[in-house]
Protein backbone atom coordinates (compact mmCIF):
# COMPACT_ATOMS: atom_id res chain seq x y z
CA UNK A 1 2.75 22.73 -1.52
CA UNK A 2 -0.32 20.72 -2.70
CA UNK A 3 0.52 18.09 -5.28
CA UNK A 4 -2.81 16.36 -5.95
CA UNK A 5 -6.38 16.53 -4.68
CA UNK A 6 -9.38 14.27 -5.15
CA UNK A 7 -12.88 15.06 -3.94
CA UNK A 8 -14.90 12.29 -2.35
CA UNK A 9 -16.97 11.76 -5.52
CA UNK A 10 -13.80 11.69 -7.64
CA UNK A 11 -12.25 9.13 -5.30
CA UNK A 12 -15.11 6.70 -5.90
CA UNK A 13 -15.65 7.46 -9.58
CA UNK A 14 -14.50 5.08 -12.26
CA UNK A 15 -12.76 7.70 -14.37
CA UNK A 16 -9.16 7.18 -15.40
CA UNK A 17 -6.65 8.93 -13.20
CA UNK A 18 -2.88 8.96 -12.87
CA UNK A 19 -0.89 6.73 -10.55
CA UNK A 20 -0.74 9.25 -7.69
CA UNK A 21 -4.50 9.71 -7.82
CA UNK A 22 -4.95 5.90 -7.86
CA UNK A 23 -2.88 5.69 -4.69
CA UNK A 24 -4.99 8.43 -3.11
CA UNK A 25 -8.10 6.50 -4.13
CA UNK A 26 -6.85 3.43 -2.28
CA UNK A 27 -6.60 5.44 0.93
CA UNK A 28 -10.15 6.77 0.63
CA UNK A 29 -12.88 5.16 2.74
CA UNK A 30 -16.19 7.01 2.27
CA UNK A 31 -17.65 6.48 5.77
CA UNK A 32 -14.54 7.94 7.46
CA UNK A 33 -12.65 10.00 4.91
CA UNK A 34 -13.14 13.71 4.57
CA UNK A 35 -14.44 15.62 1.59
CA UNK A 36 -10.96 15.84 0.04
CA UNK A 37 -8.01 13.49 -0.28
CA UNK A 38 -4.85 15.57 -0.48
CA UNK A 39 -1.25 14.75 -1.33
CA UNK A 40 1.53 17.23 -0.79
CA UNK A 41 4.02 17.92 -3.56
CA UNK A 42 6.92 15.46 -3.58
CA UNK A 43 9.45 15.95 -0.76
CA UNK A 44 7.27 18.34 1.24
CA UNK A 45 6.56 17.59 4.90
CA UNK A 46 3.60 18.94 6.85
CA UNK A 47 5.05 18.48 10.33
CA UNK A 48 7.55 21.32 10.22
CA UNK A 49 10.66 19.15 9.88
CA UNK A 50 13.16 19.54 7.09
CA UNK A 51 14.17 15.90 6.66
CA UNK A 52 12.65 12.48 6.88
CA UNK A 53 9.41 10.98 5.78
CA UNK A 54 6.07 10.13 7.33
CA UNK A 55 4.94 7.24 5.10
CA UNK A 56 1.73 9.15 4.53
CA UNK A 57 2.27 10.42 1.01
CA UNK A 58 1.63 8.45 -2.20
CA UNK A 59 5.14 8.79 -3.66
CA UNK A 60 7.54 5.87 -4.10
CA UNK A 61 10.12 7.24 -1.66
CA UNK A 62 7.42 7.39 1.03
CA UNK A 63 5.68 4.08 0.41
CA UNK A 64 8.59 1.64 0.36
CA UNK A 65 8.70 -0.25 3.64
CA UNK A 66 10.04 -3.74 4.29
CA UNK A 67 7.81 -6.77 4.67
CA UNK A 68 9.43 -9.34 6.96
CA UNK A 69 8.15 -12.90 7.13
CA UNK A 70 9.90 -15.55 9.19
CA UNK A 71 9.11 -19.09 10.16
CA UNK A 72 8.33 -22.59 8.93
CA UNK A 73 7.77 -22.69 5.20
CA UNK A 74 9.62 -19.44 4.48
CA UNK A 75 12.83 -19.30 2.43
CA UNK A 76 15.35 -16.94 4.04
CA UNK A 77 16.56 -14.18 1.77
CA UNK A 78 16.00 -10.75 0.34
CA UNK A 79 13.37 -10.38 -2.36
CA UNK A 80 13.10 -7.32 -4.52
CA UNK A 81 9.81 -8.01 -6.29
CA UNK A 82 7.08 -5.48 -5.68
CA UNK A 83 5.01 -6.31 -2.61
CA UNK A 84 2.21 -4.61 -0.74
CA UNK A 85 0.74 -4.86 2.75
CA UNK A 86 -2.27 -6.38 0.96
CA UNK A 87 -0.04 -9.38 0.12
CA UNK A 88 0.46 -10.34 3.76
CA UNK A 89 -2.98 -11.91 4.41
CA UNK A 90 -2.99 -14.16 1.30
CA UNK A 91 0.60 -15.25 2.04
CA UNK A 92 -0.20 -16.08 5.65
CA UNK A 93 -3.29 -17.97 4.49
CA UNK A 94 -1.07 -20.26 2.39
CA UNK A 95 1.45 -20.71 5.21
CA UNK A 96 -1.26 -21.52 7.74
CA UNK A 97 -3.23 -23.62 5.23
CA UNK A 98 -6.44 -21.72 5.90
CA UNK A 99 -9.00 -20.14 3.57
CA UNK A 100 -8.07 -16.91 1.88
CA UNK A 101 -9.65 -13.77 3.29
CA UNK A 102 -12.86 -12.64 1.63
CA UNK A 103 -12.10 -10.65 -1.54
CA UNK A 104 -8.31 -10.57 -1.11
CA UNK A 105 -6.63 -7.73 -2.96
CA UNK A 106 -3.05 -8.93 -2.68
CA UNK A 107 -1.09 -11.84 -4.04
CA UNK A 108 0.71 -14.74 -2.40
CA UNK A 109 4.40 -13.95 -2.07
CA UNK A 110 5.36 -17.30 -3.58
CA UNK A 111 8.97 -16.26 -4.17
CA UNK A 112 9.53 -16.39 -0.39
CA UNK A 113 7.75 -19.70 0.29
CA UNK A 114 9.18 -23.21 0.27
CA UNK A 115 7.58 -25.77 -2.05
CA UNK A 116 4.83 -23.44 -3.28
């Protein structure tokens, strides 16, 4: 049932890891995370159900969620480029014409913006 595990020290180490472990690393926050970061094997659920998803596992089928932006300066449409929740703050910064957040991790979703 367990697909991948990182210890706290492994989560903050610089060693090369696979994509699933990288995703686990991104969810690790030393002051609040436990001693282990655990991912179930693909398609397993820990809540007793037999279908669905919980958006808590690092697999593609569980991490794809829509990002919806609407308003002045946004081009209506569907965009299929890869996007992340980390892209929302930099994109809103451009739309609102304010300074980027400190150390932004994401990118500006320029494909959805008018005249950018």
